[in-house]
Amino acid sequence: MREAGAALDENRRGHLFTNDQAQLQANTTARCDALPAADRDACVARMQGQGQVSGSVAGGGLLRELVQIVRLTNKQR
């Protein structure tokens, strides 16, 4: 309840939500920071709108899918 009250106070002050595009973009790509470096670029591409999106927030979440074809060399096989 305390956290909800604090969020309500911050919202009334105008600090909770922002329409600043730079901040929104930074938040979008920050979601990918926890991933290993090998997966980070694909995550950023998905968050920037590449690939397909299905589902809905109201339905429980969005599924973002980006198909990338990677050719293996003989050393990688």
N, C-alpha and C. Protein backbone atom coordinates (compact mmCIF):
# COMPACT_ATOMS: atom_id res chain seq x y z
N MET A 1 0.83 -1.20 0.00
CA MET A 1 0.00 0.00 0.00
C MET A 1 0.88 1.26 0.00
N ARG A 2 2.00 1.20 0.74
CA ARG A 2 2.88 2.38 0.78
C ARG A 2 3.45 2.67 -0.61
N GLU A 3 3.84 1.61 -1.33
CA GLU A 3 4.39 1.79 -2.66
C GLU A 3 3.34 2.38 -3.61
N ALA A 4 2.10 1.91 -3.50
CA ALA A 4 1.03 2.45 -4.34
C ALA A 4 0.78 3.91 -4.03
N GLY A 5 0.82 4.27 -2.76
CA GLY A 5 0.64 5.66 -2.36
C GLY A 5 1.77 6.54 -2.87
N ALA A 6 3.00 6.03 -2.79
CA ALA A 6 4.14 6.78 -3.28
C ALA A 6 4.06 6.97 -4.79
N ALA A 7 3.63 5.95 -5.51
CA ALA A 7 3.47 6.06 -6.96
C ALA A 7 2.39 7.07 -7.31
N LEU A 8 1.31 7.09 -6.55
CA LEU A 8 0.24 8.06 -6.78
C LEU A 8 0.76 9.48 -6.57
N ASP A 9 1.53 9.69 -5.52
CA ASP A 9 2.11 11.02 -5.26
C ASP A 9 3.03 11.45 -6.40
N GLU A 10 3.89 10.52 -6.85
CA GLU A 10 4.81 10.85 -7.94
C GLU A 10 4.05 11.15 -9.23
N ASN A 11 2.97 10.43 -9.47
CA ASN A 11 2.16 10.68 -10.66
C ASN A 11 1.52 12.06 -10.59
N ARG A 12 1.05 12.43 -9.44
CA ARG A 12 0.43 13.77 -9.28
C ARG A 12 1.45 14.87 -9.52
N ARG A 13 2.70 14.61 -9.17
CA ARG A 13 3.77 15.60 -9.39
C ARG A 13 4.25 15.60 -10.85
N GLY A 14 3.81 14.60 -11.61
CA GLY A 14 4.23 14.51 -13.01
C GLY A 14 5.57 13.83 -13.20
N HIS A 15 6.05 13.11 -12.19
CA HIS A 15 7.37 12.47 -12.27
C HIS A 15 7.31 11.00 -12.65
N LEU A 16 6.15 10.40 -12.63
CA LEU A 16 6.07 8.96 -12.84
C LEU A 16 6.13 8.59 -14.31
N PHE A 17 5.44 9.30 -15.15
CA PHE A 17 5.39 9.00 -16.57
C PHE A 17 6.04 10.11 -17.35
N THR A 18 6.64 9.75 -18.48
CA THR A 18 7.29 10.75 -19.30
C THR A 18 6.95 10.52 -20.77
N ASN A 19 6.94 11.58 -21.52
CA ASN A 19 6.76 11.49 -22.97
C ASN A 19 8.07 11.82 -23.67
N ASP A 20 9.16 11.94 -22.89
CA ASP A 20 10.47 12.24 -23.44
C ASP A 20 10.94 11.05 -24.27
N GLN A 21 11.04 11.22 -25.58
CA GLN A 21 11.37 10.12 -26.48
C GLN A 21 12.75 9.54 -26.20
N ALA A 22 13.71 10.38 -25.84
CA ALA A 22 15.06 9.87 -25.54
C ALA A 22 15.02 8.94 -24.32
N GLN A 23 14.28 9.32 -23.30
CA GLN A 23 14.18 8.49 -22.10
C GLN A 23 13.42 7.20 -22.39
N LEU A 24 12.36 7.28 -23.18
CA LEU A 24 11.62 6.08 -23.55
C LEU A 24 12.49 5.12 -24.35
N GLN A 25 13.30 5.65 -25.27
CA GLN A 25 14.20 4.80 -26.06
C GLN A 25 15.26 4.16 -25.17
N ALA A 26 15.80 4.92 -24.22
CA ALA A 26 16.79 4.37 -23.29
C ALA A 26 16.19 3.25 -22.46
N ASN A 27 14.95 3.42 -22.01
CA ASN A 27 14.28 2.37 -21.24
C ASN A 27 14.06 1.12 -22.08
N THR A 28 13.73 1.32 -23.35
CA THR A 28 13.47 0.20 -24.25
C THR A 28 14.72 -0.66 -24.42
N THR A 29 15.86 -0.02 -24.67
CA THR A 29 17.08 -0.79 -24.89
C THR A 29 17.69 -1.28 -23.58
N ALA A 30 17.38 -0.65 -22.45
CA ALA A 30 17.91 -1.09 -21.16
C ALA A 30 17.40 -2.48 -20.80
N ARG A 31 16.27 -2.87 -21.34
CA ARG A 31 15.74 -4.22 -21.08
C ARG A 31 16.70 -5.29 -21.56
N CYS A 32 17.51 -4.96 -22.55
CA CYS A 32 18.41 -5.94 -23.15
C CYS A 32 19.76 -6.02 -22.44
N ASP A 33 20.04 -5.11 -21.53
CA ASP A 33 21.35 -5.06 -20.88
C ASP A 33 21.66 -6.30 -20.05
N ALA A 34 20.66 -6.98 -19.55
CA ALA A 34 20.89 -8.15 -18.71
C ALA A 34 21.26 -9.40 -19.51
N LEU A 35 21.15 -9.33 -20.81
CA LEU A 35 21.42 -10.49 -21.66
C LEU A 35 22.91 -10.60 -21.97
N PRO A 36 23.37 -11.81 -22.30
CA PRO A 36 24.75 -11.97 -22.76
C PRO A 36 24.98 -11.17 -24.03
N ALA A 37 26.21 -10.76 -24.25
CA ALA A 37 26.54 -9.92 -25.41
C ALA A 37 26.10 -10.55 -26.73
N ALA A 38 26.17 -11.87 -26.82
CA ALA A 38 25.79 -12.55 -28.07
C ALA A 38 24.31 -12.38 -28.39
N ASP A 39 23.48 -12.16 -27.40
CA ASP A 39 22.03 -12.03 -27.60
C ASP A 39 21.54 -10.59 -27.59
N ARG A 40 22.38 -9.67 -27.16
CA ARG A 40 21.95 -8.28 -26.94
C ARG A 40 21.52 -7.59 -28.23
N ASP A 41 22.28 -7.76 -29.32
CA ASP A 41 21.94 -7.07 -30.57
C ASP A 41 20.58 -7.49 -31.11
N ALA A 42 20.27 -8.79 -31.02
CA ALA A 42 18.97 -9.27 -31.48
C ALA A 42 17.86 -8.71 -30.60
N CYS A 43 18.11 -8.61 -29.30
CA CYS A 43 17.11 -8.05 -28.38
C CYS A 43 16.82 -6.59 -28.72
N VAL A 44 17.87 -5.82 -28.94
CA VAL A 44 17.69 -4.40 -29.28
C VAL A 44 16.92 -4.28 -30.59
N ALA A 45 17.24 -5.12 -31.57
CA ALA A 45 16.51 -5.09 -32.85
C ALA A 45 15.03 -5.37 -32.63
N ARG A 46 14.70 -6.36 -31.79
CA ARG A 46 13.29 -6.66 -31.52
C ARG A 46 12.61 -5.49 -30.82
N MET A 47 13.28 -4.88 -29.87
CA MET A 47 12.68 -3.78 -29.13
C MET A 47 12.50 -2.54 -30.00
N GLN A 48 13.28 -2.43 -31.07
CA GLN A 48 13.15 -1.30 -31.99
C GLN A 48 12.14 -1.56 -33.09
N GLY A 49 11.45 -2.71 -33.02
CA GLY A 49 10.35 -2.96 -33.93
C GLY A 49 10.64 -3.91 -35.07
N GLN A 50 11.85 -4.45 -35.15
CA GLN A 50 12.14 -5.41 -36.21
C GLN A 50 11.50 -6.75 -35.86
N GLY A 51 11.15 -7.50 -36.87
CA GLY A 51 10.54 -8.80 -36.63
C GLY A 51 9.03 -8.70 -36.49
N GLN A 52 8.45 -9.73 -35.89
CA GLN A 52 7.00 -9.81 -35.73
C GLN A 52 6.63 -9.70 -34.26
N VAL A 53 5.48 -9.08 -34.01
CA VAL A 53 4.96 -8.95 -32.65
C VAL A 53 3.57 -9.57 -32.62
N SER A 54 3.33 -10.40 -31.62
CA SER A 54 1.99 -10.98 -31.46
C SER A 54 1.59 -10.90 -30.00
N GLY A 55 0.31 -11.07 -29.75
CA GLY A 55 -0.20 -10.97 -28.39
C GLY A 55 -0.61 -9.55 -28.06
N SER A 56 -0.95 -9.34 -26.80
CA SER A 56 -1.35 -8.00 -26.35
C SER A 56 -1.02 -7.85 -24.88
N VAL A 57 -0.88 -6.62 -24.46
CA VAL A 57 -0.62 -6.35 -23.05
C VAL A 57 -1.82 -6.83 -22.23
N ALA A 58 -3.01 -6.55 -22.72
CA ALA A 58 -4.23 -6.96 -22.01
C ALA A 58 -4.34 -8.48 -21.93
N GLY A 59 -3.81 -9.17 -22.93
CA GLY A 59 -3.87 -10.61 -22.97
C GLY A 59 -2.76 -11.30 -22.17
N GLY A 60 -1.88 -10.53 -21.60
CA GLY A 60 -0.83 -11.11 -20.76
C GLY A 60 0.58 -10.85 -21.22
N GLY A 61 0.76 -10.26 -22.39
CA GLY A 61 2.11 -9.93 -22.82
C GLY A 61 2.27 -9.96 -24.33
N LEU A 62 3.36 -9.36 -24.77
CA LEU A 62 3.70 -9.33 -26.17
C LEU A 62 4.81 -10.33 -26.42
N LEU A 63 4.74 -11.02 -27.54
CA LEU A 63 5.79 -11.92 -27.96
C LEU A 63 6.46 -11.28 -29.17
N ARG A 64 7.75 -10.98 -29.03
CA ARG A 64 8.51 -10.37 -30.12
C ARG A 64 9.43 -11.44 -30.70
N GLU A 65 9.34 -11.62 -32.01
CA GLU A 65 10.10 -12.68 -32.67
C GLU A 65 10.88 -12.09 -33.84
N LEU A 66 12.17 -12.39 -33.87
CA LEU A 66 13.03 -11.96 -34.97
C LEU A 66 13.84 -13.17 -35.40
N VAL A 67 13.68 -13.57 -36.65
CA VAL A 67 14.40 -14.74 -37.18
C VAL A 67 15.67 -14.25 -37.84
N GLN A 68 16.81 -14.82 -37.41
CA GLN A 68 18.09 -14.50 -38.00
C GLN A 68 18.75 -15.80 -38.45
N ILE A 69 19.23 -15.81 -39.68
CA ILE A 69 19.91 -16.99 -40.19
C ILE A 69 21.40 -16.80 -39.97
N VAL A 70 22.01 -17.78 -39.30
CA VAL A 70 23.44 -17.73 -38.99
C VAL A 70 24.10 -18.93 -39.65
N ARG A 71 25.06 -18.66 -40.47
CA ARG A 71 25.79 -19.74 -41.14
C ARG A 71 27.00 -20.11 -40.29
N LEU A 72 27.15 -21.40 -40.03
CA LEU A 72 28.27 -21.89 -39.25
C LEU A 72 29.43 -22.22 -40.17
N THR A 73 30.63 -21.94 -39.68
CA THR A 73 31.82 -22.35 -40.42
C THR A 73 32.15 -23.78 -40.03
N ASN A 74 33.06 -24.40 -40.74
CA ASN A 74 33.45 -25.77 -40.43
C ASN A 74 34.00 -25.88 -39.02
N LYS A 75 34.69 -24.86 -38.52
CA LYS A 75 35.25 -24.87 -37.17
C LYS A 75 34.15 -24.87 -36.09
N GLN A 76 33.01 -24.27 -36.40
CA GLN A 76 31.92 -24.16 -35.43
C GLN A 76 31.08 -25.42 -35.37
N ARG A 77 31.18 -26.30 -36.33
CA ARG A 77 30.34 -27.50 -36.38
C ARG A 77 30.86 -28.57 -35.49
